[in-house]
Amino acid sequence: MISGVKVKTLKVIPDERGRLMEILRSDDKIFENFGQVYYTTAYPGVVKAWHYHKKQADFFTCISGMVKLVLYDGRPKSKTYKKIQEFFMGVHNPVLVRIPPNVYHGFKCIGKKEEAIMLNIPTRPFSHKNPDEYRIDVHTSSIPYDWGRKDR
């Protein structure tokens, strides 16, 4: 596990009316601070990467479809420096992943027909005038990761 990353297994509660799933509560051990809530989508096979934040932590969960969330620890002073971590998350594995500041992250929709919907609850609101968001190319050689499918 990359240093500072936390995972919360989410529980789906079904009944005859539908389903309910709590994602993040202010009394959870994983909770830090509330900035905002937003969602982003990706169509099948699309990769959205790489980016990181200097100040905020992200809390990602996939609420529809399936994604491969990938983290890369680019923090030179971290005990997990240059480590990569993958999470397969979504309807078949409902988890919430805390991504600490300065950890590169991105995701790929791994479903064949449906788009994936990712929910993020960052610890700080997005500033349009001074965004805490830094990006590098998805296929950069500085992160040793291949987004292709891996048959294990």
C-alpha atoms as a PDB file:
ATOM      1  CA  MET A   1       0.000   0.000   0.000  1.00  0.00           C
ATOM      2  CA  ILE A   2       1.281   3.438  -0.887  1.00  0.00           C
ATOM      3  CA  SER A   3       1.982   5.480   2.223  1.00  0.00           C
ATOM      4  CA  GLY A   4      -1.021   7.613   3.213  1.00  0.00           C
ATOM      5  CA  VAL A   5      -3.509   5.739   1.022  1.00  0.00           C
ATOM      6  CA  LYS A   6      -6.556   4.483   2.906  1.00  0.00           C
ATOM      7  CA  VAL A   7      -9.353   2.195   1.734  1.00  0.00           C
ATOM      8  CA  LYS A   8     -12.873   1.826   3.090  1.00  0.00           C
ATOM      9  CA  THR A   9     -14.973  -1.125   1.965  1.00  0.00           C
ATOM     10  CA  LEU A  10     -18.440   0.120   1.110  1.00  0.00           C
ATOM     11  CA  LYS A  11     -21.591  -1.802   1.917  1.00  0.00           C
ATOM     12  CA  VAL A  12     -24.578  -1.905  -0.420  1.00  0.00           C
ATOM     13  CA  ILE A  13     -27.869  -2.277   1.424  1.00  0.00           C
ATOM     14  CA  PRO A  14     -30.537  -3.684  -0.922  1.00  0.00           C
ATOM     15  CA  ASP A  15     -34.250  -4.061  -0.340  1.00  0.00           C
ATOM     16  CA  GLU A  16     -37.351  -4.446  -2.515  1.00  0.00           C
ATOM     17  CA  ARG A  17     -37.293  -0.724  -3.340  1.00  0.00           C
ATOM     18  CA  GLY A  18     -33.688  -0.503  -4.568  1.00  0.00           C
ATOM     19  CA  ARG A  19     -30.263   0.001  -2.990  1.00  0.00           C
ATOM     20  CA  LEU A  20     -28.501   2.396  -0.629  1.00  0.00           C
ATOM     21  CA  MET A  21     -24.762   2.776  -0.120  1.00  0.00           C
ATOM     22  CA  GLU A  22     -23.164   5.177   2.358  1.00  0.00           C
ATOM     23  CA  ILE A  23     -19.889   6.460   0.932  1.00  0.00           C
ATOM     24  CA  LEU A  24     -18.315   8.869   3.425  1.00  0.00           C
ATOM     25  CA  ARG A  25     -19.529  10.041   6.808  1.00  0.00           C
ATOM     26  CA  SER A  26     -18.063  12.739   9.029  1.00  0.00           C
ATOM     27  CA  ASP A  27     -17.727  10.149  11.827  1.00  0.00           C
ATOM     28  CA  ASP A  28     -15.707   7.682   9.656  1.00  0.00           C
ATOM     29  CA  LYS A  29     -12.088   7.071  10.677  1.00  0.00           C
ATOM     30  CA  ILE A  30     -11.101   7.814   7.061  1.00  0.00           C
ATOM     31  CA  PHE A  31     -12.838  11.249   7.024  1.00  0.00           C
ATOM     32  CA  GLU A  32     -10.633  14.382   7.084  1.00  0.00           C
ATOM     33  CA  ASN A  33     -12.380  17.450   5.772  1.00  0.00           C
ATOM     34  CA  PHE A  34     -15.048  18.410   3.274  1.00  0.00           C
ATOM     35  CA  GLY A  35     -14.258  20.552   0.253  1.00  0.00           C
ATOM     36  CA  GLN A  36     -16.859  19.643  -2.357  1.00  0.00           C
ATOM     37  CA  VAL A  37     -18.470  16.684  -4.137  1.00  0.00           C
ATOM     38  CA  TYR A  38     -18.360  16.075  -7.876  1.00  0.00           C
ATOM     39  CA  TYR A  39     -18.487  13.280 -10.380  1.00  0.00           C
ATOM     40  CA  THR A  40     -16.649  12.627 -13.604  1.00  0.00           C
ATOM     41  CA  THR A  41     -17.250   9.972 -16.242  1.00  0.00           C
ATOM     42  CA  ALA A  42     -15.173   7.977 -18.682  1.00  0.00           C
ATOM     43  CA  TYR A  43     -16.316   6.021 -21.693  1.00  0.00           C
ATOM     44  CA  PRO A  44     -15.168   2.407 -22.183  1.00  0.00           C
ATOM     45  CA  GLY A  45     -11.417   2.183 -22.667  1.00  0.00           C
ATOM     46  CA  VAL A  46     -10.784   5.857 -21.867  1.00  0.00           C
ATOM     47  CA  VAL A  47      -7.950   6.769 -19.494  1.00  0.00           C
ATOM     48  CA  LYS A  48      -8.022   9.966 -17.432  1.00  0.00           C
ATOM     49  CA  ALA A  49      -4.512  10.472 -16.002  1.00  0.00           C
ATOM     50  CA  TRP A  50      -2.053  11.624 -14.642  1.00  0.00           C
ATOM     51  CA  HIS A  51      -2.635  14.372 -12.121  1.00  0.00           C
ATOM     52  CA  TYR A  52      -1.962  15.212  -8.487  1.00  0.00           C
ATOM     53  CA  HIS A  53      -2.662  17.891  -5.906  1.00  0.00           C
ATOM     54  CA  LYS A  54      -0.232  19.615  -3.553  1.00  0.00           C
ATOM     55  CA  LYS A  55      -2.752  20.513  -0.834  1.00  0.00           C
ATOM     56  CA  GLN A  56      -5.858  18.347  -1.099  1.00  0.00           C
ATOM     57  CA  ALA A  57      -6.574  14.672  -0.621  1.00  0.00           C
ATOM     58  CA  ASP A  58      -9.087  12.996  -2.922  1.00  0.00           C
ATOM     59  CA  PHE A  59     -11.671  10.391  -1.877  1.00  0.00           C
ATOM     60  CA  PHE A  60     -12.595   8.396  -4.998  1.00  0.00           C
ATOM     61  CA  THR A  61     -15.285   5.786  -5.490  1.00  0.00           C
ATOM     62  CA  CYS A  62     -16.825   4.401  -8.666  1.00  0.00           C
ATOM     63  CA  ILE A  63     -20.626   4.507  -8.413  1.00  0.00           C
ATOM     64  CA  SER A  64     -21.431   3.052 -11.848  1.00  0.00           C
ATOM     65  CA  GLY A  65     -19.441   0.740 -14.094  1.00  0.00           C
ATOM     66  CA  MET A  66     -15.926  -0.469 -13.310  1.00  0.00           C
ATOM     67  CA  VAL A  67     -12.569   1.311 -13.342  1.00  0.00           C
ATOM     68  CA  LYS A  68      -8.937   0.586 -12.753  1.00  0.00           C
ATOM     69  CA  LEU A  69      -7.689   3.345 -10.439  1.00  0.00           C
ATOM     70  CA  VAL A  70      -3.896   3.632 -10.490  1.00  0.00           C
ATOM     71  CA  LEU A  71      -1.701   5.517  -8.013  1.00  0.00           C
ATOM     72  CA  TYR A  72       1.976   6.392  -8.332  1.00  0.00           C
ATOM     73  CA  ASP A  73       3.957   7.705  -5.381  1.00  0.00           C
ATOM     74  CA  GLY A  74       6.161  10.501  -6.713  1.00  0.00           C
ATOM     75  CA  ARG A  75       7.085  11.823  -3.250  1.00  0.00           C
ATOM     76  CA  PRO A  76      10.898  11.465  -2.885  1.00  0.00           C
ATOM     77  CA  LYS A  77      10.739  11.396   0.949  1.00  0.00           C
ATOM     78  CA  SER A  78       7.996   8.751   1.087  1.00  0.00           C
ATOM     79  CA  LYS A  79       8.813   5.210   2.176  1.00  0.00           C
ATOM     80  CA  THR A  80       6.790   4.023  -0.832  1.00  0.00           C
ATOM     81  CA  TYR A  81       8.498   6.349  -3.356  1.00  0.00           C
ATOM     82  CA  LYS A  82       8.071   5.165  -6.974  1.00  0.00           C
ATOM     83  CA  LYS A  83       5.569   2.453  -5.978  1.00  0.00           C
ATOM     84  CA  ILE A  84       2.476   1.807  -8.088  1.00  0.00           C
ATOM     85  CA  GLN A  85      -0.832   0.621  -6.714  1.00  0.00           C
ATOM     86  CA  GLU A  86      -3.925  -0.529  -8.637  1.00  0.00           C
ATOM     87  CA  PHE A  87      -7.532  -0.724  -7.465  1.00  0.00           C
ATOM     88  CA  PHE A  88     -10.302  -2.369  -9.462  1.00  0.00           C
ATOM     89  CA  MET A  89     -13.385  -0.649  -8.202  1.00  0.00           C
ATOM     90  CA  GLY A  90     -17.029  -0.118  -9.057  1.00  0.00           C
ATOM     91  CA  VAL A  91     -20.255  -2.082  -8.971  1.00  0.00           C
ATOM     92  CA  HIS A  92     -18.413  -5.361  -8.412  1.00  0.00           C
ATOM     93  CA  ASN A  93     -16.044  -3.959  -5.776  1.00  0.00           C
ATOM     94  CA  PRO A  94     -17.495  -0.928  -3.966  1.00  0.00           C
ATOM     95  CA  VAL A  95     -14.636   0.806  -2.151  1.00  0.00           C
ATOM     96  CA  LEU A  96     -13.639   4.345  -1.240  1.00  0.00           C
ATOM     97  CA  VAL A  97      -9.951   5.189  -1.747  1.00  0.00           C
ATOM     98  CA  ARG A  98      -8.214   8.127  -0.053  1.00  0.00           C
ATOM     99  CA  ILE A  99      -5.449   9.526  -2.265  1.00  0.00           C
ATOM    100  CA  PRO A 100      -3.025  11.746  -0.329  1.00  0.00           C
ATOM    101  CA  PRO A 101      -1.547  14.981  -1.680  1.00  0.00           C
ATOM    102  CA  ASN A 102       1.354  14.622  -4.136  1.00  0.00           C
ATOM    103  CA  VAL A 103       0.392  11.097  -5.236  1.00  0.00           C
ATOM    104  CA  TYR A 104      -0.219  10.883  -8.986  1.00  0.00           C
ATOM    105  CA  HIS A 105      -3.477   9.213  -9.922  1.00  0.00           C
ATOM    106  CA  GLY A 106      -5.669   8.343 -12.838  1.00  0.00           C
ATOM    107  CA  PHE A 107      -8.253   5.828 -13.903  1.00  0.00           C
ATOM    108  CA  LYS A 108      -9.389   3.785 -16.874  1.00  0.00           C
ATOM    109  CA  CYS A 109     -12.937   2.658 -17.606  1.00  0.00           C
ATOM    110  CA  ILE A 110     -12.595  -1.112 -17.950  1.00  0.00           C
ATOM    111  CA  GLY A 111     -16.208  -1.875 -18.894  1.00  0.00           C
ATOM    112  CA  LYS A 112     -16.935  -2.833 -22.499  1.00  0.00           C
ATOM    113  CA  LYS A 113     -20.281  -1.077 -23.018  1.00  0.00           C
ATOM    114  CA  GLU A 114     -21.077   1.345 -20.218  1.00  0.00           C
ATOM    115  CA  GLU A 115     -19.347   4.481 -19.087  1.00  0.00           C
ATOM    116  CA  ALA A 116     -17.940   4.611 -15.583  1.00  0.00           C
ATOM    117  CA  ILE A 117     -19.038   7.266 -13.116  1.00  0.00           C
ATOM    118  CA  MET A 118     -16.442   8.290 -10.540  1.00  0.00           C
ATOM    119  CA  LEU A 119     -17.434  10.276  -7.450  1.00  0.00           C
ATOM    120  CA  ASN A 120     -14.817  12.420  -5.726  1.00  0.00           C
ATOM    121  CA  ILE A 121     -15.039  14.095  -2.339  1.00  0.00           C
ATOM    122  CA  PRO A 122     -11.864  16.204  -2.114  1.00  0.00           C
ATOM    123  CA  THR A 123     -10.795  17.864   1.114  1.00  0.00           C
ATOM    124  CA  ARG A 124     -10.697  21.327  -0.493  1.00  0.00           C
ATOM    125  CA  PRO A 125     -13.032  23.119  -2.917  1.00  0.00           C
ATOM    126  CA  PHE A 126     -11.706  23.600  -6.434  1.00  0.00           C
ATOM    127  CA  SER A 127     -10.318  27.089  -7.029  1.00  0.00           C
ATOM    128  CA  HIS A 128     -10.875  28.220 -10.614  1.00  0.00           C
ATOM    129  CA  LYS A 129      -8.447  31.133 -10.135  1.00  0.00           C
ATOM    130  CA  ASN A 130      -5.668  29.114  -8.498  1.00  0.00           C
ATOM    131  CA  PRO A 131      -6.287  25.397  -9.064  1.00  0.00           C
ATOM    132  CA  ASP A 132      -4.438  22.859  -6.925  1.00  0.00           C
ATOM    133  CA  GLU A 133      -4.179  20.503  -9.881  1.00  0.00           C
ATOM    134  CA  TYR A 134      -1.049  19.490 -11.715  1.00  0.00           C
ATOM    135  CA  ARG A 135      -1.051  17.278 -14.795  1.00  0.00           C
ATOM    136  CA  ILE A 136       1.397  15.261 -16.822  1.00  0.00           C
ATOM    137  CA  ASP A 137       0.831  13.258 -20.003  1.00  0.00           C
ATOM    138  CA  VAL A 138      -1.010   9.947 -19.611  1.00  0.00           C
ATOM    139  CA  HIS A 139       1.739   8.090 -21.499  1.00  0.00           C
ATOM    140  CA  THR A 140       4.732   9.802 -19.876  1.00  0.00           C
ATOM    141  CA  SER A 141       7.872   7.737 -19.447  1.00  0.00           C
ATOM    142  CA  SER A 142       8.439   9.296 -16.012  1.00  0.00           C
ATOM    143  CA  ILE A 143       5.758   6.982 -14.555  1.00  0.00           C
ATOM    144  CA  PRO A 144       6.525   3.348 -15.381  1.00  0.00           C
ATOM    145  CA  TYR A 145       2.962   2.212 -16.085  1.00  0.00           C
ATOM    146  CA  ASP A 146       1.244   0.666 -19.099  1.00  0.00           C
ATOM    147  CA  TRP A 147      -2.507   1.334 -19.222  1.00  0.00           C
ATOM    148  CA  GLY A 148      -3.097  -1.689 -21.473  1.00  0.00           C
ATOM    149  CA  ARG A 149      -5.101  -4.698 -20.314  1.00  0.00           C
ATOM    150  CA  LYS A 150      -3.124  -7.241 -18.347  1.00  0.00           C
ATOM    151  CA  ASP A 151      -4.257 -10.859 -18.628  1.00  0.00           C
ATOM    152  CA  ARG A 152      -3.151 -12.460 -15.398  1.00  0.00           C
END
